Amino acid sequence: MSRVKGVFAHLDSLVDAIDALKQAGVSDLQVAAPLPRHEIAELIYEGRPSPVRWWTMIGAITGGIGGFSLASLSSTVWPMAIPGGKPIVSVPPFMVITFECTVLLGALATLLGLLYHCRLPAVGMDEELTDPRFMNDHFGILVKGEESAKVCKILHDNGAVEVVGGA
């Protein structure tokens, strides 16, 4: 698989290069920057909502069902003598543990989803994107699996300081 790395000195030239790559149909790219910039995120994600919200929903539903099940099944296994003919499994008293488990598992699932989608910890991070310049004052872009000559030309045309790999 071919890999092309471009180094940019300015944010504007990086944004232009990402836009040109997207218009050329290149989809598999990674960007490294010394600071987070919304311009880069908007171009890469194209307005798609974050998938972390699904992790939150699944965690919250699981927590709610688990909390209510814990309370109601515990009450049926070890019933208490309740005067006045009140039911053993009553919804209002069990809502507290249901709410607490919903919030707890929803928050934990959100954290796990965030870590997963941010690719943290960066154990398998590409060595090309660990260039010390990307932590200091330059921006980098790594394109994988595309026509390397076309990608090199696009990166050069959009002001890349250095292009490594490809033809």
N, C-alpha and C. Protein backbone atom coordinates (compact mmCIF):
# COMPACT_ATOMS: atom_id res chain seq x y z
N MET A 1 0.85 -1.17 0.00
CA MET A 1 0.00 0.00 0.00
C MET A 1 0.90 1.24 0.00
N SER A 2 0.59 2.16 -0.87
CA SER A 2 1.41 3.37 -0.95
C SER A 2 0.98 4.35 0.13
N ARG A 3 1.96 5.09 0.63
CA ARG A 3 1.72 6.09 1.67
C ARG A 3 2.44 7.36 1.26
N VAL A 4 1.74 8.46 1.37
CA VAL A 4 2.32 9.76 1.03
C VAL A 4 2.10 10.69 2.22
N LYS A 5 3.20 11.31 2.67
CA LYS A 5 3.12 12.26 3.79
C LYS A 5 3.46 13.64 3.26
N GLY A 6 2.61 14.60 3.60
CA GLY A 6 2.87 15.99 3.24
C GLY A 6 3.03 16.83 4.48
N VAL A 7 3.98 17.75 4.45
CA VAL A 7 4.25 18.65 5.57
C VAL A 7 3.90 20.06 5.13
N PHE A 8 3.12 20.75 5.95
CA PHE A 8 2.67 22.10 5.62
C PHE A 8 3.08 23.06 6.71
N ALA A 9 3.50 24.25 6.31
CA ALA A 9 3.91 25.27 7.28
C ALA A 9 2.73 26.12 7.74
N HIS A 10 1.66 26.17 6.95
CA HIS A 10 0.54 27.05 7.26
C HIS A 10 -0.78 26.29 7.23
N LEU A 11 -1.68 26.69 8.09
CA LEU A 11 -2.99 26.06 8.19
C LEU A 11 -3.78 26.22 6.90
N ASP A 12 -3.72 27.39 6.29
CA ASP A 12 -4.50 27.64 5.07
C ASP A 12 -4.11 26.69 3.95
N SER A 13 -2.83 26.45 3.79
CA SER A 13 -2.40 25.53 2.72
C SER A 13 -2.81 24.09 3.04
N LEU A 14 -2.80 23.71 4.31
CA LEU A 14 -3.27 22.38 4.70
C LEU A 14 -4.76 22.22 4.41
N VAL A 15 -5.55 23.23 4.76
CA VAL A 15 -6.99 23.18 4.51
C VAL A 15 -7.26 23.09 3.01
N ASP A 16 -6.52 23.85 2.20
CA ASP A 16 -6.68 23.78 0.75
C ASP A 16 -6.34 22.39 0.23
N ALA A 17 -5.29 21.79 0.77
CA ALA A 17 -4.87 20.45 0.34
C ALA A 17 -5.92 19.41 0.72
N ILE A 18 -6.47 19.49 1.92
CA ILE A 18 -7.51 18.54 2.33
C ILE A 18 -8.72 18.68 1.42
N ASP A 19 -9.11 19.91 1.14
CA ASP A 19 -10.25 20.16 0.27
C ASP A 19 -10.00 19.59 -1.13
N ALA A 20 -8.80 19.82 -1.67
CA ALA A 20 -8.46 19.30 -3.00
C ALA A 20 -8.44 17.77 -3.01
N LEU A 21 -7.93 17.16 -1.94
CA LEU A 21 -7.92 15.70 -1.86
C LEU A 21 -9.34 15.14 -1.79
N LYS A 22 -10.20 15.79 -1.02
CA LYS A 22 -11.59 15.34 -0.93
C LYS A 22 -12.28 15.45 -2.29
N GLN A 23 -12.03 16.55 -3.02
CA GLN A 23 -12.64 16.72 -4.34
C GLN A 23 -12.09 15.70 -5.33
N ALA A 24 -10.86 15.24 -5.13
CA ALA A 24 -10.26 14.24 -6.02
C ALA A 24 -10.71 12.82 -5.65
N GLY A 25 -11.48 12.67 -4.59
CA GLY A 25 -12.00 11.37 -4.22
C GLY A 25 -11.14 10.60 -3.23
N VAL A 26 -10.17 11.25 -2.63
CA VAL A 26 -9.31 10.59 -1.64
C VAL A 26 -10.04 10.59 -0.31
N SER A 27 -10.14 9.41 0.30
CA SER A 27 -10.89 9.32 1.54
C SER A 27 -10.06 8.86 2.74
N ASP A 28 -9.01 8.10 2.51
CA ASP A 28 -8.23 7.54 3.62
C ASP A 28 -7.05 8.46 3.92
N LEU A 29 -7.29 9.43 4.81
CA LEU A 29 -6.22 10.35 5.18
C LEU A 29 -6.27 10.64 6.67
N GLN A 30 -5.09 10.95 7.21
CA GLN A 30 -4.96 11.34 8.62
C GLN A 30 -4.22 12.66 8.66
N VAL A 31 -4.59 13.48 9.64
CA VAL A 31 -3.98 14.80 9.77
C VAL A 31 -3.38 14.93 11.16
N ALA A 32 -2.18 15.52 11.22
CA ALA A 32 -1.53 15.81 12.50
C ALA A 32 -1.34 17.32 12.58
N ALA A 33 -1.66 17.89 13.73
CA ALA A 33 -1.55 19.34 13.90
C ALA A 33 -1.02 19.64 15.29
N PRO A 34 -0.32 20.77 15.44
CA PRO A 34 0.20 21.12 16.76
C PRO A 34 -0.88 21.60 17.72
N LEU A 35 -2.06 21.94 17.20
CA LEU A 35 -3.16 22.40 18.03
C LEU A 35 -4.47 22.05 17.33
N PRO A 36 -5.54 21.85 18.07
CA PRO A 36 -6.81 21.52 17.43
C PRO A 36 -7.39 22.71 16.68
N ARG A 37 -7.85 22.47 15.47
CA ARG A 37 -8.44 23.53 14.64
C ARG A 37 -9.77 23.04 14.09
N HIS A 38 -10.80 23.86 14.21
CA HIS A 38 -12.12 23.45 13.73
C HIS A 38 -12.18 23.36 12.22
N GLU A 39 -11.34 24.10 11.52
CA GLU A 39 -11.34 24.03 10.05
C GLU A 39 -10.98 22.62 9.57
N ILE A 40 -10.01 22.01 10.23
CA ILE A 40 -9.58 20.67 9.86
C ILE A 40 -10.69 19.66 10.17
N ALA A 41 -11.28 19.77 11.34
CA ALA A 41 -12.33 18.83 11.74
C ALA A 41 -13.54 18.93 10.82
N GLU A 42 -13.92 20.14 10.43
CA GLU A 42 -15.07 20.31 9.55
C GLU A 42 -14.84 19.68 8.19
N LEU A 43 -13.62 19.77 7.67
CA LEU A 43 -13.32 19.18 6.37
C LEU A 43 -13.25 17.66 6.44
N ILE A 44 -12.67 17.15 7.48
CA ILE A 44 -12.50 15.70 7.58
C ILE A 44 -13.83 15.01 7.86
N TYR A 45 -14.62 15.54 8.77
CA TYR A 45 -15.86 14.86 9.17
C TYR A 45 -17.07 15.30 8.37
N GLU A 46 -16.98 16.37 7.61
CA GLU A 46 -18.02 16.83 6.70
C GLU A 46 -19.39 16.96 7.36
N GLY A 47 -19.43 17.44 8.58
CA GLY A 47 -20.69 17.68 9.25
C GLY A 47 -21.40 16.45 9.78
N ARG A 48 -20.75 15.29 9.75
CA ARG A 48 -21.38 14.09 10.31
C ARG A 48 -21.43 14.21 11.82
N PRO A 49 -22.53 13.78 12.43
CA PRO A 49 -22.57 13.80 13.89
C PRO A 49 -21.66 12.73 14.48
N SER A 50 -21.25 12.96 15.69
CA SER A 50 -20.34 12.04 16.36
C SER A 50 -21.04 10.71 16.67
N PRO A 51 -20.36 9.59 16.43
CA PRO A 51 -20.96 8.30 16.77
C PRO A 51 -20.93 8.00 18.27
N VAL A 52 -20.32 8.85 19.06
CA VAL A 52 -20.23 8.62 20.51
C VAL A 52 -21.62 8.67 21.15
N ARG A 53 -22.54 9.41 20.55
CA ARG A 53 -23.89 9.51 21.13
C ARG A 53 -24.58 8.15 21.18
N TRP A 54 -24.26 7.25 20.23
CA TRP A 54 -24.84 5.91 20.24
C TRP A 54 -24.29 5.10 21.40
N TRP A 55 -23.01 5.28 21.71
CA TRP A 55 -22.42 4.61 22.87
C TRP A 55 -23.15 5.06 24.14
N THR A 56 -23.42 6.37 24.23
CA THR A 56 -24.10 6.90 25.40
C THR A 56 -25.49 6.31 25.54
N MET A 57 -26.23 6.26 24.43
CA MET A 57 -27.59 5.74 24.48
C MET A 57 -27.61 4.26 24.88
N ILE A 58 -26.73 3.47 24.28
CA ILE A 58 -26.69 2.04 24.60
C ILE A 58 -26.29 1.82 26.06
N GLY A 59 -25.30 2.59 26.54
CA GLY A 59 -24.91 2.49 27.94
C GLY A 59 -26.01 2.90 28.89
N ALA A 60 -26.73 3.97 28.55
CA ALA A 60 -27.81 4.44 29.42
C ALA A 60 -28.96 3.44 29.46
N ILE A 61 -29.33 2.90 28.32
CA ILE A 61 -30.42 1.92 28.29
C ILE A 61 -30.02 0.66 29.06
N THR A 62 -28.79 0.21 28.85
CA THR A 62 -28.31 -0.97 29.58
C THR A 62 -28.30 -0.70 31.08
N GLY A 63 -27.84 0.48 31.48
CA GLY A 63 -27.81 0.83 32.90
C GLY A 63 -29.21 0.91 33.51
N GLY A 64 -30.15 1.49 32.78
CA GLY A 64 -31.51 1.60 33.28
C GLY A 64 -32.16 0.24 33.46
N ILE A 65 -32.02 -0.61 32.44
CA ILE A 65 -32.59 -1.95 32.53
C ILE A 65 -31.90 -2.75 33.64
N GLY A 66 -30.57 -2.63 33.71
CA GLY A 66 -29.83 -3.35 34.75
C GLY A 66 -30.17 -2.89 36.15
N GLY A 67 -30.31 -1.59 36.34
CA GLY A 67 -30.64 -1.06 37.67
C GLY A 67 -32.02 -1.48 38.13
N PHE A 68 -33.00 -1.40 37.24
CA PHE A 68 -34.35 -1.81 37.60
C PHE A 68 -34.41 -3.31 37.84
N SER A 69 -33.70 -4.07 37.00
CA SER A 69 -33.68 -5.53 37.18
C SER A 69 -33.03 -5.91 38.51
N LEU A 70 -31.93 -5.24 38.85
CA LEU A 70 -31.25 -5.52 40.12
C LEU A 70 -32.19 -5.31 41.30
N ALA A 71 -32.88 -4.18 41.31
CA ALA A 71 -33.77 -3.89 42.44
C ALA A 71 -34.98 -4.82 42.47
N SER A 72 -35.62 -5.01 41.32
CA SER A 72 -36.85 -5.82 41.32
C SER A 72 -36.56 -7.30 41.55
N LEU A 73 -35.51 -7.83 40.95
CA LEU A 73 -35.20 -9.24 41.17
C LEU A 73 -34.72 -9.50 42.60
N SER A 74 -33.98 -8.55 43.17
CA SER A 74 -33.57 -8.69 44.57
C SER A 74 -34.79 -8.69 45.49
N SER A 75 -35.77 -7.88 45.14
CA SER A 75 -36.98 -7.81 45.94
C SER A 75 -37.82 -9.08 45.83
N THR A 76 -37.79 -9.71 44.66
CA THR A 76 -38.57 -10.95 44.52
C THR A 76 -37.86 -12.15 45.14
N VAL A 77 -36.52 -12.15 45.15
CA VAL A 77 -35.78 -13.26 45.74
C VAL A 77 -35.84 -13.20 47.27
N TRP A 78 -35.72 -11.99 47.83
CA TRP A 78 -35.79 -11.80 49.28
C TRP A 78 -36.95 -10.86 49.61
N PRO A 79 -38.18 -11.35 49.53
CA PRO A 79 -39.32 -10.46 49.77
C PRO A 79 -39.40 -10.03 51.24
N MET A 80 -39.85 -8.82 51.41
CA MET A 80 -40.06 -8.29 52.75
C MET A 80 -41.56 -8.33 53.06
N ALA A 81 -41.91 -8.51 54.30
CA ALA A 81 -43.31 -8.49 54.70
C ALA A 81 -43.79 -7.04 54.67
N ILE A 82 -44.60 -6.74 53.67
CA ILE A 82 -45.07 -5.36 53.49
C ILE A 82 -46.53 -5.30 53.89
N PRO A 83 -46.85 -4.48 54.90
CA PRO A 83 -48.25 -4.41 55.34
C PRO A 83 -49.11 -3.64 54.34
N GLY A 84 -50.38 -3.90 54.35
CA GLY A 84 -51.33 -3.15 53.56
C GLY A 84 -51.50 -3.66 52.15
N GLY A 85 -50.96 -4.80 51.83
CA GLY A 85 -51.16 -5.39 50.51
C GLY A 85 -50.43 -4.67 49.39
N LYS A 86 -49.34 -3.98 49.70
CA LYS A 86 -48.58 -3.29 48.67
C LYS A 86 -47.80 -4.31 47.85
N PRO A 87 -47.57 -4.03 46.58
CA PRO A 87 -46.86 -5.01 45.75
C PRO A 87 -45.38 -5.11 46.14
N ILE A 88 -44.80 -6.30 45.91
CA ILE A 88 -43.39 -6.50 46.24
C ILE A 88 -42.51 -5.72 45.26
N VAL A 89 -42.88 -5.75 43.99
CA VAL A 89 -42.14 -4.98 42.98
C VAL A 89 -42.97 -3.74 42.66
N SER A 90 -42.54 -2.63 43.22
CA SER A 90 -43.23 -1.36 43.02
C SER A 90 -42.28 -0.42 42.28
N VAL A 91 -42.77 0.24 41.27
CA VAL A 91 -41.90 1.05 40.41
C VAL A 91 -41.34 2.29 41.12
N PRO A 92 -42.10 3.11 41.82
CA PRO A 92 -41.52 4.35 42.36
C PRO A 92 -40.28 4.18 43.24
N PRO A 93 -40.22 3.22 44.15
CA PRO A 93 -38.99 3.12 44.95
C PRO A 93 -37.77 2.66 44.14
N PHE A 94 -38.00 1.96 43.06
CA PHE A 94 -36.89 1.44 42.27
C PHE A 94 -36.37 2.44 41.24
N MET A 95 -37.04 3.57 41.10
CA MET A 95 -36.60 4.57 40.12
C MET A 95 -35.27 5.23 40.51
N VAL A 96 -34.97 5.28 41.79
CA VAL A 96 -33.72 5.90 42.23
C VAL A 96 -32.52 5.10 41.71
N ILE A 97 -32.51 3.80 41.97
CA ILE A 97 -31.39 2.98 41.50
C ILE A 97 -31.39 2.88 39.98
N THR A 98 -32.57 2.90 39.36
CA THR A 98 -32.65 2.89 37.89
C THR A 98 -31.99 4.13 37.32
N PHE A 99 -32.30 5.29 37.88
CA PHE A 99 -31.72 6.55 37.42
C PHE A 99 -30.20 6.56 37.63
N GLU A 100 -29.76 6.14 38.80
CA GLU A 100 -28.33 6.16 39.10
C GLU A 100 -27.55 5.24 38.16
N CYS A 101 -28.07 4.05 37.90
CA CYS A 101 -27.39 3.12 36.99
C CYS A 101 -27.42 3.63 35.55
N THR A 102 -28.51 4.30 35.18
CA THR A 102 -28.60 4.89 33.84
C THR A 102 -27.51 5.93 33.65
N VAL A 103 -27.36 6.82 34.60
CA VAL A 103 -26.35 7.88 34.49
C VAL A 103 -24.94 7.29 34.54
N LEU A 104 -24.72 6.35 35.45
CA LEU A 104 -23.38 5.76 35.60
C LEU A 104 -22.94 5.03 34.33
N LEU A 105 -23.75 4.12 33.83
CA LEU A 105 -23.35 3.36 32.64
C LEU A 105 -23.36 4.23 31.39
N GLY A 106 -24.24 5.22 31.33
CA GLY A 106 -24.22 6.15 30.20
C GLY A 106 -22.93 6.95 30.16
N ALA A 107 -22.48 7.41 31.31
CA ALA A 107 -21.22 8.18 31.37
C ALA A 107 -20.02 7.30 31.06
N LEU A 108 -19.98 6.08 31.60
CA LEU A 108 -18.86 5.17 31.32
C LEU A 108 -18.82 4.78 29.84
N ALA A 109 -19.98 4.53 29.24
CA ALA A 109 -20.03 4.19 27.82
C ALA A 109 -19.59 5.37 26.97
N THR A 110 -19.95 6.59 27.38
CA THR A 110 -19.51 7.78 26.66
C THR A 110 -17.99 7.90 26.69
N LEU A 111 -17.41 7.67 27.83
CA LEU A 111 -15.95 7.73 27.96
C LEU A 111 -15.28 6.66 27.08
N LEU A 112 -15.79 5.44 27.12
CA LEU A 112 -15.23 4.37 26.29
C LEU A 112 -15.38 4.68 24.80
N GLY A 113 -16.55 5.19 24.41
CA GLY A 113 -16.77 5.55 23.01
C GLY A 113 -15.86 6.67 22.56
N LEU A 114 -15.65 7.65 23.43
CA LEU A 114 -14.74 8.75 23.11
C LEU A 114 -13.32 8.25 22.92
N LEU A 115 -12.86 7.41 23.83
CA LEU A 115 -11.51 6.87 23.71
C LEU A 115 -11.37 6.02 22.45
N TYR A 116 -12.38 5.23 22.13
CA TYR A 116 -12.33 4.37 20.95
C TYR A 116 -12.28 5.20 19.67
N HIS A 117 -13.16 6.18 19.54
CA HIS A 117 -13.24 6.95 18.30
C HIS A 117 -12.12 7.97 18.17
N CYS A 118 -11.49 8.34 19.26
CA CYS A 118 -10.32 9.22 19.18
C CYS A 118 -9.03 8.42 19.00
N ARG A 119 -9.17 7.10 18.94
CA ARG A 119 -8.03 6.19 18.79
C ARG A 119 -7.01 6.36 19.92
N LEU A 120 -7.53 6.46 21.13
CA LEU A 120 -6.66 6.61 22.29
C LEU A 120 -6.66 5.32 23.09
N PRO A 121 -5.60 4.90 23.64
CA PRO A 121 -4.26 5.45 23.50
C PRO A 121 -3.72 5.18 22.10
N ALA A 122 -2.86 6.02 21.62
CA ALA A 122 -2.34 5.94 20.26
C ALA A 122 -1.22 4.92 20.17
N VAL A 123 -1.56 3.66 20.41
CA VAL A 123 -0.56 2.59 20.41
C VAL A 123 -0.08 2.32 18.99
N GLY A 124 -1.00 2.23 18.05
CA GLY A 124 -0.64 1.90 16.68
C GLY A 124 -0.54 3.11 15.78
N MET A 125 -0.17 4.26 16.32
CA MET A 125 -0.10 5.47 15.52
C MET A 125 1.00 5.35 14.47
N ASP A 126 0.71 5.83 13.28
CA ASP A 126 1.68 5.76 12.20
C ASP A 126 2.92 6.58 12.54
N GLU A 127 4.07 5.99 12.28
CA GLU A 127 5.33 6.67 12.60
C GLU A 127 5.51 7.94 11.78
N GLU A 128 4.90 7.97 10.59
CA GLU A 128 5.02 9.17 9.77
C GLU A 128 4.39 10.38 10.44
N LEU A 129 3.37 10.14 11.27
CA LEU A 129 2.67 11.25 11.92
C LEU A 129 3.25 11.59 13.29
N THR A 130 4.35 10.97 13.68
CA THR A 130 4.98 11.30 14.96
C THR A 130 6.18 12.23 14.75
N ASP A 131 6.23 12.89 13.63
CA ASP A 131 7.29 13.84 13.34
C ASP A 131 7.26 14.95 14.40
N PRO A 132 8.39 15.31 14.99
CA PRO A 132 8.40 16.35 16.03
C PRO A 132 7.91 17.71 15.53
N ARG A 133 8.01 17.95 14.25
CA ARG A 133 7.52 19.23 13.71
C ARG A 133 6.02 19.39 13.89
N PHE A 134 5.30 18.25 13.90
CA PHE A 134 3.84 18.32 14.03
C PHE A 134 3.41 18.66 15.45
N MET A 135 4.31 18.57 16.39
CA MET A 135 4.02 18.97 17.76
C MET A 135 4.44 20.41 18.02
N ASN A 136 5.11 20.99 17.07
CA ASN A 136 5.70 22.30 17.27
C ASN A 136 5.02 23.38 16.43
N ASP A 137 5.28 23.38 15.11
CA ASP A 137 4.80 24.49 14.30
C ASP A 137 4.37 24.11 12.89
N HIS A 138 4.33 22.84 12.54
CA HIS A 138 3.94 22.42 11.21
C HIS A 138 2.72 21.50 11.28
N PHE A 139 2.07 21.36 10.13
CA PHE A 139 0.92 20.49 10.00
C PHE A 139 1.28 19.34 9.08
N GLY A 140 0.72 18.18 9.30
CA GLY A 140 1.04 17.03 8.46
C GLY A 140 -0.21 16.32 8.00
N ILE A 141 -0.09 15.68 6.85
CA ILE A 141 -1.18 14.88 6.32
C ILE A 141 -0.60 13.59 5.77
N LEU A 142 -1.25 12.47 6.07
CA LEU A 142 -0.81 11.15 5.62
C LEU A 142 -1.94 10.54 4.81
N VAL A 143 -1.65 10.19 3.57
CA VAL A 143 -2.64 9.60 2.67
C VAL A 143 -2.20 8.18 2.38
N LYS A 144 -3.12 7.22 2.56
CA LYS A 144 -2.79 5.81 2.35
C LYS A 144 -3.63 5.24 1.22
N GLY A 145 -2.99 4.36 0.44
CA GLY A 145 -3.70 3.53 -0.52
C GLY A 145 -4.29 4.23 -1.72
N GLU A 146 -3.78 5.34 -2.12
CA GLU A 146 -4.30 6.04 -3.29
C GLU A 146 -3.22 6.11 -4.36
N GLU A 147 -3.57 6.65 -5.50
CA GLU A 147 -2.58 6.86 -6.56
C GLU A 147 -1.58 7.89 -6.06
N SER A 148 -0.35 7.44 -5.80
CA SER A 148 0.61 8.30 -5.13
C SER A 148 1.05 9.49 -5.99
N ALA A 149 1.13 9.32 -7.30
CA ALA A 149 1.54 10.44 -8.16
C ALA A 149 0.51 11.55 -8.13
N LYS A 150 -0.77 11.17 -8.16
CA LYS A 150 -1.85 12.17 -8.10
C LYS A 150 -1.84 12.89 -6.76
N VAL A 151 -1.67 12.13 -5.69
CA VAL A 151 -1.66 12.73 -4.35
C VAL A 151 -0.46 13.65 -4.18
N CYS A 152 0.72 13.24 -4.65
CA CYS A 152 1.92 14.09 -4.55
C CYS A 152 1.71 15.40 -5.29
N LYS A 153 1.10 15.33 -6.47
CA LYS A 153 0.86 16.55 -7.25
C LYS A 153 -0.11 17.47 -6.51
N ILE A 154 -1.17 16.92 -5.94
CA ILE A 154 -2.14 17.74 -5.20
C ILE A 154 -1.47 18.41 -4.01
N LEU A 155 -0.65 17.65 -3.28
CA LEU A 155 0.02 18.22 -2.10
C LEU A 155 1.00 19.32 -2.50
N HIS A 156 1.77 19.08 -3.56
CA HIS A 156 2.71 20.11 -4.03
C HIS A 156 1.98 21.35 -4.52
N ASP A 157 0.89 21.16 -5.26
CA ASP A 157 0.15 22.29 -5.80
C ASP A 157 -0.49 23.15 -4.71
N ASN A 158 -0.73 22.56 -3.56
CA ASN A 158 -1.39 23.30 -2.48
C ASN A 158 -0.41 23.80 -1.42
N GLY A 159 0.88 23.81 -1.72
CA GLY A 159 1.84 24.47 -0.86
C GLY A 159 2.52 23.61 0.18
N ALA A 160 2.70 22.32 -0.09
CA ALA A 160 3.39 21.46 0.86
C ALA A 160 4.88 21.83 0.90
N VAL A 161 5.41 21.94 2.08
CA VAL A 161 6.83 22.23 2.26
C VAL A 161 7.66 21.01 1.88
N GLU A 162 7.14 19.83 2.22
CA GLU A 162 7.84 18.58 1.96
C GLU A 162 6.81 17.50 1.68
N VAL A 163 7.09 16.65 0.67
CA VAL A 163 6.24 15.50 0.36
C VAL A 163 7.16 14.28 0.34
N VAL A 164 6.80 13.29 1.16
CA VAL A 164 7.62 12.09 1.29
C VAL A 164 6.77 10.89 0.88
N GLY A 165 7.35 9.99 0.10
CA GLY A 165 6.67 8.80 -0.34
C GLY A 165 6.07 8.98 -1.72
N GLY A 166 5.52 7.92 -2.24
CA GLY A 166 4.88 8.00 -3.55
C GLY A 166 5.91 8.06 -4.65
N ALA A 167 5.48 8.59 -5.80
CA ALA A 167 6.36 8.66 -6.97
C ALA A 167 7.06 9.99 -7.05
